[in-house]
Amino acid sequence: MKTQTKYQQQHPSAQNEQISDEVYGIAYLPWESKDEWLNIYSKTYSRKLSDQIEAYNVMLEWQRAGDCPLGVMCTRIILQGVIKDKVFHSDVEQSLDDNDLSVHLWWINYEIFK
């Protein structure tokens, strides 16, 4: 039995977003809508630590619910490292710069979809 996200628990009639593919058929995604996904996407790339932590927690919830795409799982793992880096390195010189996350995520997407 799959774990439901907080949104699904609060809205029992909600349907997850789905995509259709000729090879794999219909796939149900762990997010409720494209807007929810875009919101978490923007928080992932935010400069605010609180936004990144929120994005991480939502991605973790999506992963626990099942049917989570590999790209989201890899992004969550990288984001975890970025968050820890910001928390443990108060000196900006030592922490990752803003471009590092973009480079890591681009590389993962390239490797997955090549």
N, C-alpha and C. Protein backbone atom coordinates (compact mmCIF):
# COMPACT_ATOMS: atom_id res chain seq x y z
N MET A 1 0.84 -1.18 0.00
CA MET A 1 0.00 0.00 0.00
C MET A 1 0.88 1.25 0.00
N LYS A 2 0.56 2.20 -0.85
CA LYS A 2 1.36 3.41 -0.97
C LYS A 2 1.01 4.40 0.12
N THR A 3 2.03 5.13 0.58
CA THR A 3 1.83 6.19 1.55
C THR A 3 1.26 7.41 0.83
N GLN A 4 0.30 8.07 1.45
CA GLN A 4 -0.27 9.26 0.84
C GLN A 4 0.49 10.50 1.29
N THR A 5 0.59 11.49 0.40
CA THR A 5 1.20 12.76 0.77
C THR A 5 0.23 13.52 1.66
N LYS A 6 0.73 14.58 2.32
CA LYS A 6 -0.13 15.39 3.18
C LYS A 6 -1.30 15.97 2.39
N TYR A 7 -1.02 16.40 1.16
CA TYR A 7 -2.07 16.97 0.33
C TYR A 7 -3.16 15.93 0.07
N GLN A 8 -2.77 14.70 -0.24
CA GLN A 8 -3.74 13.64 -0.52
C GLN A 8 -4.55 13.30 0.73
N GLN A 9 -3.92 13.38 1.90
CA GLN A 9 -4.64 13.11 3.14
C GLN A 9 -5.68 14.19 3.41
N GLN A 10 -5.32 15.45 3.08
CA GLN A 10 -6.23 16.56 3.31
C GLN A 10 -7.31 16.64 2.23
N HIS A 11 -7.03 16.12 1.04
CA HIS A 11 -7.97 16.14 -0.08
C HIS A 11 -8.12 14.72 -0.63
N PRO A 12 -8.93 13.88 0.02
CA PRO A 12 -9.02 12.47 -0.37
C PRO A 12 -9.46 12.23 -1.81
N SER A 13 -10.18 13.17 -2.41
CA SER A 13 -10.64 12.96 -3.78
C SER A 13 -9.60 13.41 -4.82
N ALA A 14 -8.48 13.94 -4.36
CA ALA A 14 -7.45 14.46 -5.29
C ALA A 14 -6.82 13.32 -6.08
N GLN A 15 -6.59 13.59 -7.33
CA GLN A 15 -5.91 12.64 -8.20
C GLN A 15 -4.51 13.16 -8.48
N ASN A 16 -3.54 12.29 -8.48
CA ASN A 16 -2.18 12.70 -8.83
C ASN A 16 -2.09 12.99 -10.31
N GLU A 17 -1.15 13.86 -10.64
CA GLU A 17 -0.90 14.15 -12.05
C GLU A 17 -0.44 12.86 -12.72
N GLN A 18 -0.80 12.68 -13.96
CA GLN A 18 -0.37 11.49 -14.68
C GLN A 18 0.19 11.88 -16.04
N ILE A 19 1.09 11.06 -16.52
CA ILE A 19 1.64 11.26 -17.86
C ILE A 19 1.42 9.97 -18.63
N SER A 20 1.35 10.11 -19.93
CA SER A 20 1.14 8.94 -20.77
C SER A 20 2.34 8.77 -21.69
N ASP A 21 2.73 7.53 -21.88
CA ASP A 21 3.88 7.21 -22.72
C ASP A 21 3.52 5.99 -23.56
N GLU A 22 3.94 5.98 -24.82
CA GLU A 22 3.61 4.86 -25.70
C GLU A 22 4.21 3.55 -25.21
N VAL A 23 5.39 3.61 -24.62
CA VAL A 23 6.07 2.39 -24.19
C VAL A 23 5.58 1.93 -22.82
N TYR A 24 5.50 2.86 -21.87
CA TYR A 24 5.20 2.48 -20.49
C TYR A 24 3.74 2.65 -20.11
N GLY A 25 2.96 3.28 -20.94
CA GLY A 25 1.56 3.50 -20.61
C GLY A 25 1.41 4.73 -19.73
N ILE A 26 0.45 4.67 -18.82
CA ILE A 26 0.18 5.80 -17.94
C ILE A 26 1.01 5.66 -16.68
N ALA A 27 1.66 6.76 -16.29
CA ALA A 27 2.43 6.79 -15.05
C ALA A 27 1.82 7.86 -14.15
N TYR A 28 1.60 7.51 -12.90
CA TYR A 28 1.08 8.45 -11.93
C TYR A 28 2.25 9.07 -11.18
N LEU A 29 2.23 10.38 -11.07
CA LEU A 29 3.32 11.10 -10.45
C LEU A 29 2.96 11.47 -9.02
N PRO A 30 3.94 11.62 -8.14
CA PRO A 30 3.63 11.86 -6.73
C PRO A 30 3.12 13.28 -6.43
N TRP A 31 3.27 14.22 -7.35
CA TRP A 31 2.78 15.57 -7.09
C TRP A 31 1.37 15.71 -7.62
N GLU A 32 0.63 16.63 -7.02
CA GLU A 32 -0.78 16.82 -7.34
C GLU A 32 -0.99 17.47 -8.70
N SER A 33 -0.16 18.44 -9.03
CA SER A 33 -0.36 19.18 -10.28
C SER A 33 0.97 19.74 -10.76
N LYS A 34 0.95 20.26 -11.97
CA LYS A 34 2.15 20.89 -12.51
C LYS A 34 2.52 22.11 -11.67
N ASP A 35 1.52 22.82 -11.16
CA ASP A 35 1.78 23.99 -10.32
C ASP A 35 2.54 23.61 -9.05
N GLU A 36 2.15 22.49 -8.44
CA GLU A 36 2.85 22.02 -7.24
C GLU A 36 4.31 21.70 -7.60
N TRP A 37 4.50 21.02 -8.71
CA TRP A 37 5.86 20.66 -9.13
C TRP A 37 6.69 21.91 -9.40
N LEU A 38 6.11 22.90 -10.11
CA LEU A 38 6.83 24.13 -10.42
C LEU A 38 7.17 24.92 -9.15
N ASN A 39 6.28 24.88 -8.17
CA ASN A 39 6.54 25.55 -6.90
C ASN A 39 7.76 24.94 -6.21
N ILE A 40 7.82 23.62 -6.15
CA ILE A 40 8.95 22.94 -5.51
C ILE A 40 10.21 23.14 -6.34
N TYR A 41 10.09 23.14 -7.65
CA TYR A 41 11.23 23.40 -8.53
C TYR A 41 11.84 24.77 -8.22
N SER A 42 10.98 25.79 -8.11
CA SER A 42 11.49 27.14 -7.84
C SER A 42 12.11 27.24 -6.45
N LYS A 43 11.55 26.52 -5.48
CA LYS A 43 12.12 26.54 -4.13
C LYS A 43 13.45 25.79 -4.08
N THR A 44 13.62 24.80 -4.93
CA THR A 44 14.88 24.07 -4.99
C THR A 44 16.00 25.01 -5.42
N TYR A 45 15.73 25.88 -6.37
CA TYR A 45 16.75 26.80 -6.89
C TYR A 45 16.77 28.14 -6.16
N SER A 46 15.96 28.29 -5.12
CA SER A 46 15.91 29.54 -4.36
C SER A 46 17.23 29.77 -3.61
N ARG A 47 17.51 31.01 -3.33
CA ARG A 47 18.70 31.34 -2.53
C ARG A 47 18.39 31.22 -1.04
N LYS A 48 17.11 31.13 -0.68
CA LYS A 48 16.72 31.06 0.73
C LYS A 48 16.86 29.63 1.23
N LEU A 49 17.54 29.46 2.32
CA LEU A 49 17.72 28.14 2.91
C LEU A 49 16.38 27.54 3.31
N SER A 50 15.47 28.36 3.84
CA SER A 50 14.16 27.85 4.27
C SER A 50 13.37 27.27 3.09
N ASP A 51 13.46 27.92 1.92
CA ASP A 51 12.79 27.40 0.73
C ASP A 51 13.39 26.07 0.30
N GLN A 52 14.71 25.97 0.34
CA GLN A 52 15.39 24.73 -0.06
C GLN A 52 15.04 23.60 0.90
N ILE A 53 14.96 23.90 2.19
CA ILE A 53 14.58 22.87 3.16
C ILE A 53 13.15 22.41 2.91
N GLU A 54 12.26 23.34 2.61
CA GLU A 54 10.87 22.97 2.30
C GLU A 54 10.81 22.09 1.05
N ALA A 55 11.56 22.46 0.02
CA ALA A 55 11.60 21.66 -1.21
C ALA A 55 12.13 20.26 -0.92
N TYR A 56 13.18 20.17 -0.11
CA TYR A 56 13.75 18.87 0.26
C TYR A 56 12.70 18.01 0.96
N ASN A 57 11.98 18.59 1.92
CA ASN A 57 10.98 17.83 2.67
C ASN A 57 9.84 17.34 1.78
N VAL A 58 9.41 18.16 0.85
CA VAL A 58 8.34 17.75 -0.07
C VAL A 58 8.83 16.63 -0.98
N MET A 59 10.06 16.76 -1.50
CA MET A 59 10.60 15.69 -2.36
C MET A 59 10.74 14.39 -1.59
N LEU A 60 11.11 14.48 -0.32
CA LEU A 60 11.20 13.28 0.53
C LEU A 60 9.82 12.65 0.69
N GLU A 61 8.81 13.49 0.86
CA GLU A 61 7.42 13.01 0.97
C GLU A 61 6.99 12.33 -0.34
N TRP A 62 7.35 12.93 -1.47
CA TRP A 62 7.02 12.33 -2.77
C TRP A 62 7.68 10.97 -2.91
N GLN A 63 8.93 10.88 -2.48
CA GLN A 63 9.65 9.61 -2.60
C GLN A 63 9.00 8.55 -1.73
N ARG A 64 8.59 8.93 -0.55
CA ARG A 64 7.94 7.96 0.36
C ARG A 64 6.60 7.50 -0.19
N ALA A 65 5.92 8.37 -0.95
CA ALA A 65 4.62 8.02 -1.52
C ALA A 65 4.74 7.02 -2.65
N GLY A 66 5.92 6.92 -3.25
CA GLY A 66 6.13 5.98 -4.35
C GLY A 66 5.97 6.64 -5.70
N ASP A 67 6.34 5.90 -6.74
CA ASP A 67 6.26 6.37 -8.13
C ASP A 67 7.02 7.69 -8.34
N CYS A 68 8.10 7.87 -7.61
CA CYS A 68 8.88 9.10 -7.72
C CYS A 68 9.95 8.94 -8.80
N PRO A 69 9.99 9.85 -9.76
CA PRO A 69 11.00 9.74 -10.82
C PRO A 69 12.42 9.81 -10.27
N LEU A 70 13.32 9.12 -10.92
CA LEU A 70 14.72 9.07 -10.50
C LEU A 70 15.34 10.46 -10.43
N GLY A 71 15.00 11.33 -11.36
CA GLY A 71 15.55 12.69 -11.34
C GLY A 71 15.20 13.45 -10.08
N VAL A 72 13.99 13.26 -9.56
CA VAL A 72 13.57 13.92 -8.32
C VAL A 72 14.37 13.35 -7.15
N MET A 73 14.55 12.03 -7.12
CA MET A 73 15.30 11.41 -6.03
C MET A 73 16.75 11.90 -6.03
N CYS A 74 17.37 11.98 -7.20
CA CYS A 74 18.75 12.45 -7.29
C CYS A 74 18.85 13.92 -6.90
N THR A 75 17.88 14.71 -7.33
CA THR A 75 17.87 16.13 -6.97
C THR A 75 17.76 16.30 -5.46
N ARG A 76 16.92 15.49 -4.82
CA ARG A 76 16.77 15.56 -3.37
C ARG A 76 18.08 15.26 -2.67
N ILE A 77 18.81 14.27 -3.14
CA ILE A 77 20.09 13.90 -2.53
C ILE A 77 21.10 15.04 -2.67
N ILE A 78 21.17 15.64 -3.86
CA ILE A 78 22.08 16.77 -4.06
C ILE A 78 21.66 17.95 -3.20
N LEU A 79 20.36 18.22 -3.15
CA LEU A 79 19.86 19.33 -2.35
C LEU A 79 20.18 19.12 -0.87
N GLN A 80 20.13 17.88 -0.42
CA GLN A 80 20.49 17.58 0.96
C GLN A 80 21.94 18.02 1.23
N GLY A 81 22.84 17.72 0.30
CA GLY A 81 24.23 18.14 0.44
C GLY A 81 24.39 19.65 0.44
N VAL A 82 23.64 20.33 -0.43
CA VAL A 82 23.69 21.79 -0.50
C VAL A 82 23.21 22.40 0.81
N ILE A 83 22.12 21.86 1.35
CA ILE A 83 21.57 22.36 2.62
C ILE A 83 22.58 22.16 3.75
N LYS A 84 23.14 20.96 3.84
CA LYS A 84 24.13 20.70 4.89
C LYS A 84 25.34 21.61 4.73
N ASP A 85 25.76 21.86 3.50
CA ASP A 85 26.89 22.73 3.26
C ASP A 85 26.60 24.14 3.77
N LYS A 86 25.40 24.64 3.51
CA LYS A 86 25.04 25.99 3.97
C LYS A 86 24.93 26.05 5.48
N VAL A 87 24.44 24.98 6.10
CA VAL A 87 24.27 24.97 7.55
C VAL A 87 25.62 24.89 8.25
N PHE A 88 26.53 24.06 7.74
CA PHE A 88 27.80 23.84 8.42
C PHE A 88 28.89 24.84 8.04
N HIS A 89 28.71 25.58 6.96
CA HIS A 89 29.71 26.58 6.55
C HIS A 89 29.07 27.96 6.58
N SER A 90 29.18 28.60 7.72
CA SER A 90 28.61 29.95 7.80
C SER A 90 29.42 30.93 6.96
N ASP A 91 30.68 30.58 6.69
CA ASP A 91 31.54 31.41 5.84
C ASP A 91 31.17 31.16 4.39
N VAL A 92 30.69 32.19 3.72
CA VAL A 92 30.23 32.06 2.34
C VAL A 92 31.35 31.60 1.42
N GLU A 93 32.58 31.97 1.73
CA GLU A 93 33.73 31.59 0.90
C GLU A 93 33.88 30.07 0.84
N GLN A 94 33.54 29.38 1.94
CA GLN A 94 33.73 27.93 2.01
C GLN A 94 32.54 27.16 1.45
N SER A 95 31.38 27.76 1.44
CA SER A 95 30.19 27.02 1.01
C SER A 95 30.07 27.03 -0.51
N LEU A 96 29.20 26.17 -1.01
CA LEU A 96 28.98 26.07 -2.46
C LEU A 96 28.38 27.37 -2.98
N ASP A 97 28.76 27.75 -4.19
CA ASP A 97 28.14 28.95 -4.76
C ASP A 97 26.82 28.58 -5.42
N ASP A 98 26.06 29.60 -5.82
CA ASP A 98 24.71 29.39 -6.36
C ASP A 98 24.69 28.57 -7.63
N ASN A 99 25.76 28.60 -8.39
CA ASN A 99 25.81 27.90 -9.67
C ASN A 99 26.04 26.39 -9.50
N ASP A 100 26.61 25.97 -8.36
CA ASP A 100 26.94 24.56 -8.16
C ASP A 100 25.73 23.64 -8.27
N LEU A 101 24.62 24.02 -7.64
CA LEU A 101 23.42 23.18 -7.70
C LEU A 101 22.92 23.04 -9.13
N SER A 102 22.93 24.13 -9.87
CA SER A 102 22.48 24.08 -11.27
C SER A 102 23.34 23.14 -12.09
N VAL A 103 24.65 23.18 -11.89
CA VAL A 103 25.57 22.31 -12.63
C VAL A 103 25.32 20.85 -12.28
N HIS A 104 25.18 20.55 -11.00
CA HIS A 104 24.94 19.16 -10.57
C HIS A 104 23.62 18.63 -11.14
N LEU A 105 22.57 19.43 -11.07
CA LEU A 105 21.27 18.98 -11.55
C LEU A 105 21.26 18.83 -13.07
N TRP A 106 21.95 19.74 -13.78
CA TRP A 106 22.05 19.60 -15.23
C TRP A 106 22.73 18.29 -15.57
N TRP A 107 23.81 17.95 -14.88
CA TRP A 107 24.56 16.74 -15.18
C TRP A 107 23.70 15.49 -14.94
N ILE A 108 22.94 15.48 -13.86
CA ILE A 108 22.07 14.33 -13.57
C ILE A 108 21.03 14.18 -14.68
N ASN A 109 20.39 15.27 -15.06
CA ASN A 109 19.40 15.20 -16.14
C ASN A 109 20.02 14.73 -17.44
N TYR A 110 21.23 15.18 -17.72
CA TYR A 110 21.93 14.75 -18.93
C TYR A 110 22.18 13.25 -18.90
N GLU A 111 22.66 12.74 -17.76
CA GLU A 111 22.97 11.31 -17.64
C GLU A 111 21.71 10.45 -17.71
N ILE A 112 20.61 10.92 -17.15
CA ILE A 112 19.37 10.15 -17.14
C ILE A 112 18.73 10.10 -18.52
N PHE A 113 18.73 11.22 -19.22
CA PHE A 113 17.96 11.33 -20.45
C PHE A 113 18.79 11.26 -21.72
N LYS A 114 20.07 10.91 -21.64
CA LYS A 114 20.88 10.86 -22.87
C LYS A 114 20.57 9.64 -23.68
